[in-house]
Amino acid sequence: MNLFATAQLPPGVVLQRGVARDPAIIAALETVIAAAPLRTMITPRGPMSVRMTNCGSLGWVSDASGYRYAPADPATKLPWPPIPDALATLARRCAEDAGFPEFYPDACLINQYTPGAQMGLHQDRDERDFAQPIVSVSLGLPARFTIGGETRKHATFDIELEHGDVVVFGGPARRMYHGVKRIAPGHHPLLGARRLNVTFRRAG
């Protein structure tokens, strides 16, 4: 495993340290979670180790048949909550600062990690327009974000992410494999024993 500095990141990957520490961000997330509670999604390979929910006009859902974006919460049949202004503003600002000025997310995935949870290497490929970046916000417990290439055989390296860090990946990095190593035990003063990862996409 190698931990790379910002200057050594591959083209299309931009790491923005500590730009998402505004308490209004967590308050907005808690509002979304109250309206559309976190749940364990089932995938064709079994249950995920993270719990998740969505906001926006589209939400990412999964079941034994596969993955897709859907306009309604399958648990309630109601539309997903809208993306709060504090979150939409953050996503657009981070995308613009990374060189993607026309990013208007319509999907926001919220993943909650507790110690022991992880996310295996995967590509984000259910979106329609791969010219649009993905903006990924880390809150709470630290995590090791793994970056690879366009195939699983590509060499990988890790980035240590702390509370408030944002990773934007697009352009040549849009289809890279990425994941999150198992979360270590710990306690964050604002979020306790959990990490929230918020990813913004243009899915429709």
N, C-alpha and C. Protein backbone atom coordinates (compact mmCIF):
# COMPACT_ATOMS: atom_id res chain seq x y z
N MET A 1 0.84 -1.19 0.00
CA MET A 1 0.00 0.00 0.00
C MET A 1 0.88 1.25 0.00
N ASN A 2 0.50 2.24 -0.81
CA ASN A 2 1.19 3.51 -0.86
C ASN A 2 0.21 4.63 -0.56
N LEU A 3 0.63 5.60 0.24
CA LEU A 3 -0.18 6.78 0.50
C LEU A 3 0.39 7.92 -0.31
N PHE A 4 -0.39 8.43 -1.28
CA PHE A 4 0.10 9.42 -2.21
C PHE A 4 -0.28 10.82 -1.76
N ALA A 5 0.56 11.77 -2.02
CA ALA A 5 0.26 13.18 -1.79
C ALA A 5 -0.64 13.69 -2.90
N THR A 6 -1.26 14.84 -2.66
CA THR A 6 -2.19 15.40 -3.64
C THR A 6 -1.54 15.54 -5.01
N ALA A 7 -0.29 15.99 -5.06
CA ALA A 7 0.37 16.23 -6.34
C ALA A 7 0.58 14.96 -7.13
N GLN A 8 0.50 13.81 -6.50
CA GLN A 8 0.75 12.55 -7.18
C GLN A 8 -0.53 11.83 -7.58
N LEU A 9 -1.66 12.44 -7.37
CA LEU A 9 -2.91 11.82 -7.75
C LEU A 9 -3.01 11.73 -9.27
N PRO A 10 -3.70 10.70 -9.77
CA PRO A 10 -3.81 10.55 -11.23
C PRO A 10 -4.67 11.66 -11.83
N PRO A 11 -4.53 11.91 -13.13
CA PRO A 11 -5.33 12.94 -13.80
C PRO A 11 -6.82 12.69 -13.58
N GLY A 12 -7.54 13.76 -13.27
CA GLY A 12 -8.97 13.65 -13.04
C GLY A 12 -9.37 13.48 -11.60
N VAL A 13 -8.41 13.26 -10.70
CA VAL A 13 -8.69 13.11 -9.27
C VAL A 13 -8.18 14.34 -8.54
N VAL A 14 -9.06 14.99 -7.79
CA VAL A 14 -8.69 16.19 -7.03
C VAL A 14 -9.09 15.99 -5.58
N LEU A 15 -8.14 16.13 -4.69
CA LEU A 15 -8.38 16.00 -3.25
C LEU A 15 -8.42 17.39 -2.63
N GLN A 16 -9.52 17.70 -1.94
CA GLN A 16 -9.70 19.00 -1.31
C GLN A 16 -9.81 18.77 0.20
N ARG A 17 -8.77 19.16 0.91
CA ARG A 17 -8.70 18.87 2.34
C ARG A 17 -9.54 19.85 3.16
N GLY A 18 -10.41 19.28 4.02
CA GLY A 18 -11.08 20.05 5.06
C GLY A 18 -12.09 21.09 4.59
N VAL A 19 -12.61 20.95 3.38
CA VAL A 19 -13.50 21.99 2.85
C VAL A 19 -14.97 21.75 3.21
N ALA A 20 -15.27 20.64 3.88
CA ALA A 20 -16.67 20.30 4.19
C ALA A 20 -16.89 20.18 5.69
N ARG A 21 -16.38 21.14 6.45
CA ARG A 21 -16.50 21.08 7.91
C ARG A 21 -17.59 21.96 8.47
N ASP A 22 -18.35 22.62 7.63
CA ASP A 22 -19.45 23.48 8.08
C ASP A 22 -20.48 22.62 8.81
N PRO A 23 -20.85 22.94 10.06
CA PRO A 23 -21.85 22.15 10.79
C PRO A 23 -23.19 22.05 10.06
N ALA A 24 -23.48 23.01 9.17
CA ALA A 24 -24.74 22.96 8.43
C ALA A 24 -24.81 21.74 7.52
N ILE A 25 -23.67 21.20 7.14
CA ILE A 25 -23.65 20.02 6.28
C ILE A 25 -24.20 18.81 7.03
N ILE A 26 -23.71 18.59 8.25
CA ILE A 26 -24.21 17.46 9.04
C ILE A 26 -25.67 17.67 9.39
N ALA A 27 -26.07 18.89 9.72
CA ALA A 27 -27.47 19.16 10.04
C ALA A 27 -28.36 18.83 8.86
N ALA A 28 -27.92 19.17 7.65
CA ALA A 28 -28.71 18.87 6.45
C ALA A 28 -28.81 17.36 6.23
N LEU A 29 -27.73 16.65 6.48
CA LEU A 29 -27.75 15.19 6.32
C LEU A 29 -28.70 14.54 7.31
N GLU A 30 -28.69 15.02 8.54
CA GLU A 30 -29.58 14.43 9.55
C GLU A 30 -31.05 14.66 9.17
N THR A 31 -31.35 15.78 8.52
CA THR A 31 -32.71 16.03 8.05
C THR A 31 -33.11 15.02 6.99
N VAL A 32 -32.19 14.74 6.07
CA VAL A 32 -32.48 13.74 5.03
C VAL A 32 -32.68 12.36 5.66
N ILE A 33 -31.80 12.00 6.58
CA ILE A 33 -31.88 10.66 7.20
C ILE A 33 -33.17 10.50 7.99
N ALA A 34 -33.66 11.58 8.61
CA ALA A 34 -34.93 11.51 9.33
C ALA A 34 -36.09 11.26 8.37
N ALA A 35 -36.01 11.82 7.17
CA ALA A 35 -37.10 11.66 6.19
C ALA A 35 -37.01 10.34 5.44
N ALA A 36 -35.79 9.87 5.19
CA ALA A 36 -35.58 8.61 4.46
C ALA A 36 -34.50 7.84 5.22
N PRO A 37 -34.90 7.05 6.22
CA PRO A 37 -33.92 6.43 7.12
C PRO A 37 -32.91 5.55 6.40
N LEU A 38 -31.74 5.46 7.02
CA LEU A 38 -30.70 4.57 6.53
C LEU A 38 -31.19 3.13 6.57
N ARG A 39 -30.75 2.35 5.58
CA ARG A 39 -31.13 0.94 5.55
C ARG A 39 -30.00 0.13 4.91
N THR A 40 -30.04 -1.18 5.11
CA THR A 40 -29.08 -2.08 4.50
C THR A 40 -29.59 -2.52 3.14
N MET A 41 -28.86 -2.17 2.10
CA MET A 41 -29.23 -2.58 0.75
C MET A 41 -28.73 -4.01 0.49
N ILE A 42 -29.51 -4.74 -0.27
CA ILE A 42 -29.13 -6.08 -0.70
C ILE A 42 -28.60 -6.00 -2.12
N THR A 43 -27.50 -6.66 -2.38
CA THR A 43 -26.93 -6.72 -3.72
C THR A 43 -26.98 -8.16 -4.22
N PRO A 44 -26.69 -8.40 -5.50
CA PRO A 44 -26.64 -9.79 -5.98
C PRO A 44 -25.65 -10.65 -5.21
N ARG A 45 -24.68 -10.02 -4.54
CA ARG A 45 -23.69 -10.77 -3.77
C ARG A 45 -24.05 -10.87 -2.29
N GLY A 46 -25.14 -10.24 -1.88
CA GLY A 46 -25.55 -10.28 -0.48
C GLY A 46 -25.70 -8.89 0.10
N PRO A 47 -25.92 -8.78 1.41
CA PRO A 47 -26.14 -7.46 2.03
C PRO A 47 -24.86 -6.64 2.06
N MET A 48 -25.00 -5.33 1.92
CA MET A 48 -23.87 -4.42 2.04
C MET A 48 -23.50 -4.23 3.50
N SER A 49 -22.24 -3.92 3.77
CA SER A 49 -21.83 -3.70 5.16
C SER A 49 -22.10 -2.27 5.61
N VAL A 50 -22.40 -1.37 4.67
CA VAL A 50 -22.79 -0.01 5.01
C VAL A 50 -24.31 0.08 5.00
N ARG A 51 -24.82 1.08 5.71
CA ARG A 51 -26.23 1.41 5.63
C ARG A 51 -26.35 2.69 4.82
N MET A 52 -27.40 2.83 4.03
CA MET A 52 -27.43 3.96 3.12
C MET A 52 -28.84 4.50 2.89
N THR A 53 -28.87 5.71 2.36
CA THR A 53 -30.11 6.32 1.90
C THR A 53 -29.74 7.31 0.80
N ASN A 54 -30.74 8.05 0.30
CA ASN A 54 -30.52 8.96 -0.82
C ASN A 54 -31.32 10.23 -0.65
N CYS A 55 -30.91 11.27 -1.38
CA CYS A 55 -31.75 12.42 -1.61
C CYS A 55 -31.51 12.90 -3.04
N GLY A 56 -32.46 13.67 -3.55
CA GLY A 56 -32.38 14.10 -4.93
C GLY A 56 -33.52 13.53 -5.75
N SER A 57 -33.58 13.89 -7.02
CA SER A 57 -34.67 13.39 -7.87
C SER A 57 -34.48 11.92 -8.22
N LEU A 58 -33.26 11.41 -8.06
CA LEU A 58 -32.98 9.99 -8.27
C LEU A 58 -32.19 9.46 -7.09
N GLY A 59 -32.43 8.20 -6.74
CA GLY A 59 -31.68 7.56 -5.68
C GLY A 59 -31.15 6.22 -6.15
N TRP A 60 -29.97 5.86 -5.68
CA TRP A 60 -29.37 4.57 -6.05
C TRP A 60 -29.95 3.48 -5.18
N VAL A 61 -30.46 2.44 -5.80
CA VAL A 61 -31.04 1.32 -5.05
C VAL A 61 -30.48 0.01 -5.58
N SER A 62 -30.56 -1.00 -4.77
CA SER A 62 -30.04 -2.31 -5.13
C SER A 62 -30.89 -3.40 -4.50
N ASP A 63 -30.99 -4.52 -5.21
CA ASP A 63 -31.63 -5.71 -4.66
C ASP A 63 -30.98 -6.92 -5.31
N ALA A 64 -31.54 -8.08 -5.10
CA ALA A 64 -30.92 -9.30 -5.61
C ALA A 64 -30.83 -9.32 -7.13
N SER A 65 -31.63 -8.49 -7.81
CA SER A 65 -31.63 -8.47 -9.28
C SER A 65 -30.58 -7.52 -9.85
N GLY A 66 -30.04 -6.61 -9.03
CA GLY A 66 -29.02 -5.70 -9.54
C GLY A 66 -29.17 -4.29 -9.01
N TYR A 67 -28.52 -3.34 -9.71
CA TYR A 67 -28.42 -1.95 -9.27
C TYR A 67 -29.14 -1.04 -10.27
N ARG A 68 -29.63 0.10 -9.77
CA ARG A 68 -30.30 1.05 -10.65
C ARG A 68 -30.56 2.34 -9.87
N TYR A 69 -30.92 3.38 -10.61
CA TYR A 69 -31.41 4.62 -10.00
C TYR A 69 -32.93 4.63 -10.11
N ALA A 70 -33.58 5.10 -9.05
CA ALA A 70 -35.04 5.12 -9.01
C ALA A 70 -35.51 6.45 -8.42
N PRO A 71 -36.64 6.98 -8.89
CA PRO A 71 -37.13 8.26 -8.38
C PRO A 71 -37.81 8.18 -7.02
N ALA A 72 -38.12 6.97 -6.57
CA ALA A 72 -38.85 6.82 -5.31
C ALA A 72 -38.12 5.85 -4.38
N ASP A 73 -38.29 6.07 -3.10
CA ASP A 73 -37.76 5.18 -2.07
C ASP A 73 -38.54 3.87 -2.13
N PRO A 74 -37.89 2.74 -2.38
CA PRO A 74 -38.64 1.48 -2.47
C PRO A 74 -39.30 1.07 -1.16
N ALA A 75 -38.81 1.62 -0.03
CA ALA A 75 -39.39 1.26 1.26
C ALA A 75 -40.71 1.97 1.51
N THR A 76 -40.86 3.19 0.99
CA THR A 76 -42.06 3.99 1.26
C THR A 76 -42.88 4.31 0.01
N LYS A 77 -42.27 4.08 -1.17
CA LYS A 77 -42.89 4.44 -2.47
C LYS A 77 -43.01 5.95 -2.66
N LEU A 78 -42.39 6.73 -1.78
CA LEU A 78 -42.43 8.19 -1.87
C LEU A 78 -41.17 8.70 -2.57
N PRO A 79 -41.23 9.87 -3.19
CA PRO A 79 -40.01 10.44 -3.77
C PRO A 79 -38.94 10.63 -2.71
N TRP A 80 -37.68 10.52 -3.12
CA TRP A 80 -36.59 10.79 -2.20
C TRP A 80 -36.65 12.26 -1.77
N PRO A 81 -36.17 12.59 -0.58
CA PRO A 81 -36.12 14.01 -0.18
C PRO A 81 -35.26 14.80 -1.16
N PRO A 82 -35.55 16.07 -1.37
CA PRO A 82 -34.69 16.89 -2.23
C PRO A 82 -33.31 17.07 -1.61
N ILE A 83 -32.33 17.37 -2.45
CA ILE A 83 -30.99 17.65 -1.94
C ILE A 83 -31.02 19.00 -1.23
N PRO A 84 -30.69 19.06 0.05
CA PRO A 84 -30.70 20.34 0.76
C PRO A 84 -29.73 21.35 0.12
N ASP A 85 -30.07 22.61 0.24
CA ASP A 85 -29.26 23.66 -0.38
C ASP A 85 -27.81 23.60 0.08
N ALA A 86 -27.59 23.34 1.36
CA ALA A 86 -26.21 23.31 1.89
C ALA A 86 -25.38 22.23 1.20
N LEU A 87 -26.01 21.11 0.87
CA LEU A 87 -25.30 20.02 0.20
C LEU A 87 -25.09 20.32 -1.28
N ALA A 88 -26.13 20.82 -1.94
CA ALA A 88 -26.01 21.12 -3.37
C ALA A 88 -24.96 22.19 -3.61
N THR A 89 -24.94 23.21 -2.75
CA THR A 89 -23.94 24.28 -2.89
C THR A 89 -22.54 23.74 -2.71
N LEU A 90 -22.34 22.88 -1.71
CA LEU A 90 -21.03 22.27 -1.48
C LEU A 90 -20.59 21.47 -2.70
N ALA A 91 -21.49 20.65 -3.24
CA ALA A 91 -21.13 19.80 -4.38
C ALA A 91 -20.74 20.62 -5.59
N ARG A 92 -21.52 21.65 -5.89
CA ARG A 92 -21.23 22.47 -7.06
C ARG A 92 -19.91 23.23 -6.89
N ARG A 93 -19.67 23.76 -5.67
CA ARG A 93 -18.44 24.52 -5.43
C ARG A 93 -17.21 23.62 -5.56
N CYS A 94 -17.29 22.42 -4.98
CA CYS A 94 -16.14 21.51 -5.04
C CYS A 94 -15.89 21.05 -6.48
N ALA A 95 -16.95 20.78 -7.22
CA ALA A 95 -16.79 20.37 -8.61
C ALA A 95 -16.16 21.49 -9.43
N GLU A 96 -16.64 22.72 -9.23
CA GLU A 96 -16.09 23.85 -9.98
C GLU A 96 -14.62 24.07 -9.64
N ASP A 97 -14.26 23.98 -8.37
CA ASP A 97 -12.87 24.16 -7.96
C ASP A 97 -11.97 23.07 -8.54
N ALA A 98 -12.56 21.90 -8.86
CA ALA A 98 -11.80 20.80 -9.44
C ALA A 98 -11.77 20.83 -10.96
N GLY A 99 -12.43 21.85 -11.55
CA GLY A 99 -12.40 21.98 -13.00
C GLY A 99 -13.64 21.49 -13.71
N PHE A 100 -14.73 21.33 -12.97
CA PHE A 100 -16.00 20.87 -13.56
C PHE A 100 -17.09 21.90 -13.23
N PRO A 101 -17.16 23.01 -13.98
CA PRO A 101 -18.03 24.12 -13.61
C PRO A 101 -19.52 23.92 -13.88
N GLU A 102 -19.89 22.92 -14.64
CA GLU A 102 -21.30 22.74 -15.02
C GLU A 102 -21.90 21.51 -14.34
N PHE A 103 -21.57 21.30 -13.08
CA PHE A 103 -22.05 20.11 -12.37
C PHE A 103 -23.29 20.46 -11.55
N TYR A 104 -24.41 19.81 -11.88
CA TYR A 104 -25.66 20.01 -11.16
C TYR A 104 -26.18 18.62 -10.76
N PRO A 105 -25.87 18.16 -9.57
CA PRO A 105 -26.22 16.79 -9.18
C PRO A 105 -27.72 16.59 -9.05
N ASP A 106 -28.18 15.42 -9.49
CA ASP A 106 -29.58 15.05 -9.28
C ASP A 106 -29.70 13.83 -8.37
N ALA A 107 -28.57 13.31 -7.90
CA ALA A 107 -28.57 12.16 -6.99
C ALA A 107 -27.49 12.37 -5.94
N CYS A 108 -27.84 12.08 -4.70
CA CYS A 108 -26.90 12.20 -3.59
C CYS A 108 -27.04 10.94 -2.73
N LEU A 109 -26.00 10.13 -2.71
CA LEU A 109 -25.99 8.88 -1.94
C LEU A 109 -25.32 9.13 -0.60
N ILE A 110 -25.94 8.65 0.46
CA ILE A 110 -25.41 8.80 1.81
C ILE A 110 -25.13 7.41 2.36
N ASN A 111 -23.86 7.11 2.58
CA ASN A 111 -23.45 5.81 3.13
C ASN A 111 -22.95 6.00 4.56
N GLN A 112 -23.46 5.21 5.46
CA GLN A 112 -22.98 5.25 6.85
C GLN A 112 -22.11 4.02 7.13
N TYR A 113 -20.85 4.29 7.47
CA TYR A 113 -19.91 3.24 7.86
C TYR A 113 -19.77 3.24 9.37
N THR A 114 -19.78 2.07 9.96
CA THR A 114 -19.41 1.91 11.36
C THR A 114 -18.16 1.03 11.37
N PRO A 115 -17.43 0.97 12.49
CA PRO A 115 -16.21 0.17 12.51
C PRO A 115 -16.45 -1.26 11.99
N GLY A 116 -15.58 -1.67 11.08
CA GLY A 116 -15.70 -2.98 10.43
C GLY A 116 -16.33 -2.93 9.06
N ALA A 117 -17.07 -1.85 8.74
CA ALA A 117 -17.70 -1.73 7.43
C ALA A 117 -16.66 -1.33 6.38
N GLN A 118 -16.93 -1.71 5.15
CA GLN A 118 -16.01 -1.40 4.06
C GLN A 118 -16.80 -1.34 2.75
N MET A 119 -16.13 -0.92 1.69
CA MET A 119 -16.73 -0.91 0.36
C MET A 119 -15.71 -1.48 -0.60
N GLY A 120 -16.03 -2.61 -1.23
CA GLY A 120 -15.10 -3.25 -2.14
C GLY A 120 -14.86 -2.42 -3.39
N LEU A 121 -13.80 -2.75 -4.11
CA LEU A 121 -13.49 -2.05 -5.35
C LEU A 121 -14.65 -2.16 -6.33
N HIS A 122 -15.04 -1.03 -6.91
CA HIS A 122 -16.16 -1.01 -7.85
C HIS A 122 -16.03 0.20 -8.75
N GLN A 123 -16.75 0.20 -9.85
CA GLN A 123 -16.89 1.35 -10.72
C GLN A 123 -18.29 1.95 -10.54
N ASP A 124 -18.39 3.26 -10.66
CA ASP A 124 -19.70 3.91 -10.70
C ASP A 124 -20.08 4.02 -12.18
N ARG A 125 -20.97 3.15 -12.62
CA ARG A 125 -21.28 3.09 -14.05
C ARG A 125 -22.77 3.00 -14.34
N ASP A 126 -23.60 3.34 -13.36
CA ASP A 126 -25.04 3.34 -13.58
C ASP A 126 -25.57 4.70 -14.03
N GLU A 127 -24.67 5.70 -14.11
CA GLU A 127 -25.07 7.04 -14.52
C GLU A 127 -25.06 7.13 -16.05
N ARG A 128 -25.83 8.08 -16.59
CA ARG A 128 -25.95 8.19 -18.04
C ARG A 128 -24.83 8.98 -18.69
N ASP A 129 -24.30 9.98 -17.99
CA ASP A 129 -23.34 10.90 -18.59
C ASP A 129 -22.01 10.81 -17.85
N PHE A 130 -21.03 10.12 -18.43
CA PHE A 130 -19.74 9.96 -17.77
C PHE A 130 -18.86 11.19 -17.92
N ALA A 131 -19.34 12.21 -18.62
CA ALA A 131 -18.60 13.48 -18.66
C ALA A 131 -18.75 14.24 -17.35
N GLN A 132 -19.77 13.87 -16.55
CA GLN A 132 -20.00 14.51 -15.25
C GLN A 132 -19.16 13.83 -14.17
N PRO A 133 -18.57 14.60 -13.25
CA PRO A 133 -17.74 14.01 -12.21
C PRO A 133 -18.58 13.42 -11.09
N ILE A 134 -17.90 12.80 -10.16
CA ILE A 134 -18.49 12.39 -8.88
C ILE A 134 -17.78 13.18 -7.78
N VAL A 135 -18.57 13.73 -6.87
CA VAL A 135 -18.03 14.47 -5.73
C VAL A 135 -18.30 13.65 -4.48
N SER A 136 -17.25 13.29 -3.77
CA SER A 136 -17.35 12.40 -2.61
C SER A 136 -16.87 13.12 -1.36
N VAL A 137 -17.74 13.22 -0.35
CA VAL A 137 -17.46 13.97 0.88
C VAL A 137 -17.32 12.98 2.04
N SER A 138 -16.27 13.13 2.83
CA SER A 138 -16.03 12.28 4.00
C SER A 138 -16.29 13.06 5.28
N LEU A 139 -17.07 12.45 6.17
CA LEU A 139 -17.40 13.07 7.45
C LEU A 139 -17.26 12.03 8.57
N GLY A 140 -16.79 12.46 9.72
CA GLY A 140 -16.71 11.54 10.85
C GLY A 140 -15.39 10.78 10.89
N LEU A 141 -15.46 9.49 11.17
CA LEU A 141 -14.25 8.67 11.32
C LEU A 141 -13.39 8.70 10.06
N PRO A 142 -12.08 8.59 10.22
CA PRO A 142 -11.20 8.56 9.05
C PRO A 142 -11.37 7.27 8.25
N ALA A 143 -10.92 7.33 7.00
CA ALA A 143 -11.04 6.18 6.12
C ALA A 143 -9.87 6.15 5.16
N ARG A 144 -9.58 4.97 4.63
CA ARG A 144 -8.60 4.82 3.57
C ARG A 144 -9.35 4.56 2.27
N PHE A 145 -9.28 5.53 1.39
CA PHE A 145 -9.94 5.48 0.09
C PHE A 145 -8.97 4.88 -0.91
N THR A 146 -9.37 3.79 -1.55
CA THR A 146 -8.52 3.07 -2.49
C THR A 146 -8.86 3.48 -3.92
N ILE A 147 -7.83 3.81 -4.69
CA ILE A 147 -8.00 4.20 -6.09
C ILE A 147 -7.23 3.20 -6.96
N GLY A 148 -7.89 2.74 -8.03
CA GLY A 148 -7.25 1.85 -8.98
C GLY A 148 -7.29 2.43 -10.38
N GLY A 149 -7.57 1.58 -11.35
CA GLY A 149 -7.66 2.01 -12.74
C GLY A 149 -8.97 1.55 -13.35
N GLU A 150 -9.01 1.40 -14.66
CA GLU A 150 -10.25 1.04 -15.34
C GLU A 150 -10.51 -0.46 -15.35
N THR A 151 -9.58 -1.26 -14.82
CA THR A 151 -9.80 -2.69 -14.65
C THR A 151 -9.40 -3.07 -13.23
N ARG A 152 -9.87 -4.22 -12.78
CA ARG A 152 -9.54 -4.68 -11.43
C ARG A 152 -8.06 -5.06 -11.32
N LYS A 153 -7.40 -5.30 -12.44
CA LYS A 153 -6.00 -5.71 -12.42
C LYS A 153 -5.05 -4.54 -12.25
N HIS A 154 -5.55 -3.33 -12.36
CA HIS A 154 -4.69 -2.15 -12.26
C HIS A 154 -4.17 -1.99 -10.84
N ALA A 155 -2.94 -1.51 -10.70
CA ALA A 155 -2.37 -1.25 -9.37
C ALA A 155 -3.22 -0.23 -8.62
N THR A 156 -3.29 -0.36 -7.31
CA THR A 156 -4.08 0.54 -6.48
C THR A 156 -3.20 1.25 -5.46
N PHE A 157 -3.70 2.36 -4.96
CA PHE A 157 -3.06 3.03 -3.83
C PHE A 157 -4.15 3.65 -2.98
N ASP A 158 -3.79 4.02 -1.76
CA ASP A 158 -4.75 4.53 -0.78
C ASP A 158 -4.51 6.00 -0.47
N ILE A 159 -5.61 6.70 -0.17
CA ILE A 159 -5.54 8.06 0.34
C ILE A 159 -6.20 8.07 1.71
N GLU A 160 -5.54 8.65 2.69
CA GLU A 160 -6.14 8.81 4.01
C GLU A 160 -7.10 9.99 3.97
N LEU A 161 -8.37 9.73 4.29
CA LEU A 161 -9.38 10.79 4.31
C LEU A 161 -9.82 11.08 5.73
N GLU A 162 -9.88 12.36 6.06
CA GLU A 162 -10.31 12.81 7.37
C GLU A 162 -11.63 13.56 7.25
N HIS A 163 -12.18 13.92 8.40
CA HIS A 163 -13.45 14.65 8.44
C HIS A 163 -13.35 15.94 7.63
N GLY A 164 -14.29 16.12 6.70
CA GLY A 164 -14.34 17.33 5.90
C GLY A 164 -13.60 17.27 4.58
N ASP A 165 -12.89 16.17 4.31
CA ASP A 165 -12.17 16.04 3.04
C ASP A 165 -13.14 15.70 1.91
N VAL A 166 -12.82 16.19 0.72
CA VAL A 166 -13.64 15.94 -0.47
C VAL A 166 -12.73 15.42 -1.59
N VAL A 167 -13.18 14.37 -2.26
CA VAL A 167 -12.49 13.86 -3.45
C VAL A 167 -13.43 14.05 -4.64
N VAL A 168 -12.92 14.69 -5.69
CA VAL A 168 -13.67 14.84 -6.93
C VAL A 168 -12.94 14.02 -7.98
N PHE A 169 -13.67 13.14 -8.67
CA PHE A 169 -13.03 12.41 -9.76
C PHE A 169 -13.91 12.43 -11.00
N GLY A 170 -13.28 12.77 -12.10
CA GLY A 170 -13.98 12.88 -13.37
C GLY A 170 -12.99 12.80 -14.51
N GLY A 171 -13.46 13.08 -15.73
CA GLY A 171 -12.57 13.02 -16.88
C GLY A 171 -11.94 11.65 -17.02
N PRO A 172 -10.60 11.57 -17.13
CA PRO A 172 -9.95 10.26 -17.31
C PRO A 172 -10.07 9.34 -16.10
N ALA A 173 -10.47 9.88 -14.95
CA ALA A 173 -10.60 9.06 -13.75
C ALA A 173 -12.04 8.63 -13.49
N ARG A 174 -12.97 9.04 -14.34
CA ARG A 174 -14.39 8.81 -14.05
C ARG A 174 -14.74 7.34 -13.90
N ARG A 175 -14.10 6.46 -14.65
CA ARG A 175 -14.43 5.03 -14.60
C ARG A 175 -13.41 4.23 -13.79
N MET A 176 -12.66 4.88 -12.97
CA MET A 176 -11.67 4.15 -12.18
C MET A 176 -12.36 3.29 -11.11
N TYR A 177 -11.75 2.17 -10.81
CA TYR A 177 -12.20 1.36 -9.68
C TYR A 177 -11.77 2.06 -8.39
N HIS A 178 -12.63 2.01 -7.41
CA HIS A 178 -12.32 2.65 -6.13
C HIS A 178 -13.10 1.93 -5.03
N GLY A 179 -12.68 2.14 -3.81
CA GLY A 179 -13.35 1.50 -2.68
C GLY A 179 -12.87 2.10 -1.37
N VAL A 180 -13.31 1.53 -0.27
CA VAL A 180 -12.96 2.01 1.07
C VAL A 180 -12.54 0.81 1.91
N LYS A 181 -11.35 0.90 2.50
CA LYS A 181 -10.87 -0.16 3.38
C LYS A 181 -11.71 -0.23 4.65
N ARG A 182 -11.62 -1.33 5.33
CA ARG A 182 -12.40 -1.54 6.56
C ARG A 182 -12.15 -0.40 7.57
N ILE A 183 -13.24 0.15 8.09
CA ILE A 183 -13.14 1.28 9.03
C ILE A 183 -12.66 0.78 10.39
N ALA A 184 -11.65 1.47 10.91
CA ALA A 184 -11.10 1.10 12.21
C ALA A 184 -11.98 1.66 13.34
N PRO A 185 -11.96 1.03 14.50
CA PRO A 185 -12.70 1.57 15.64
C PRO A 185 -12.23 2.97 15.98
N GLY A 186 -13.15 3.79 16.45
CA GLY A 186 -12.80 5.14 16.83
C GLY A 186 -14.03 5.92 17.24
N HIS A 187 -13.82 7.16 17.61
CA HIS A 187 -14.92 8.03 18.02
C HIS A 187 -14.66 9.42 17.48
N HIS A 188 -15.62 9.97 16.74
CA HIS A 188 -15.51 11.33 16.23
C HIS A 188 -16.37 12.24 17.10
N PRO A 189 -15.89 13.44 17.43
CA PRO A 189 -16.64 14.30 18.35
C PRO A 189 -18.02 14.73 17.84
N LEU A 190 -18.23 14.73 16.54
CA LEU A 190 -19.53 15.14 16.00
C LEU A 190 -20.41 13.96 15.59
N LEU A 191 -19.80 12.88 15.12
CA LEU A 191 -20.58 11.76 14.58
C LEU A 191 -20.39 10.46 15.34
N GLY A 192 -19.60 10.49 16.40
CA GLY A 192 -19.44 9.28 17.21
C GLY A 192 -18.68 8.21 16.45
N ALA A 193 -19.13 6.95 16.62
CA ALA A 193 -18.44 5.81 16.02
C ALA A 193 -18.98 5.52 14.62
N ARG A 194 -18.94 6.52 13.76
CA ARG A 194 -19.43 6.31 12.40
C ARG A 194 -18.76 7.28 11.43
N ARG A 195 -18.80 6.90 10.18
CA ARG A 195 -18.36 7.75 9.08
C ARG A 195 -19.51 7.89 8.12
N LEU A 196 -19.78 9.11 7.68
CA LEU A 196 -20.75 9.35 6.63
C LEU A 196 -20.00 9.72 5.36
N ASN A 197 -20.28 9.01 4.29
CA ASN A 197 -19.73 9.33 2.98
C ASN A 197 -20.88 9.77 2.09
N VAL A 198 -20.76 10.96 1.56
CA VAL A 198 -21.82 11.55 0.75
C VAL A 198 -21.29 11.72 -0.67
N THR A 199 -21.92 11.07 -1.64
CA THR A 199 -21.45 11.17 -3.01
C THR A 199 -22.54 11.78 -3.88
N PHE A 200 -22.13 12.78 -4.64
CA PHE A 200 -23.04 13.49 -5.54
C PHE A 200 -22.77 13.06 -6.97
N ARG A 201 -23.86 12.78 -7.73
CA ARG A 201 -23.72 12.37 -9.11
C ARG A 201 -24.76 13.05 -9.97
N ARG A 202 -24.51 13.09 -11.25
CA ARG A 202 -25.52 13.44 -12.25
C ARG A 202 -25.91 12.12 -12.88
N ALA A 203 -27.03 11.57 -12.43
CA ALA A 203 -27.41 10.21 -12.82
C ALA A 203 -28.35 10.16 -14.01
N GLY A 204 -29.22 11.15 -14.14
CA GLY A 204 -30.25 11.10 -15.17
C GLY A 204 -29.83 11.81 -16.45
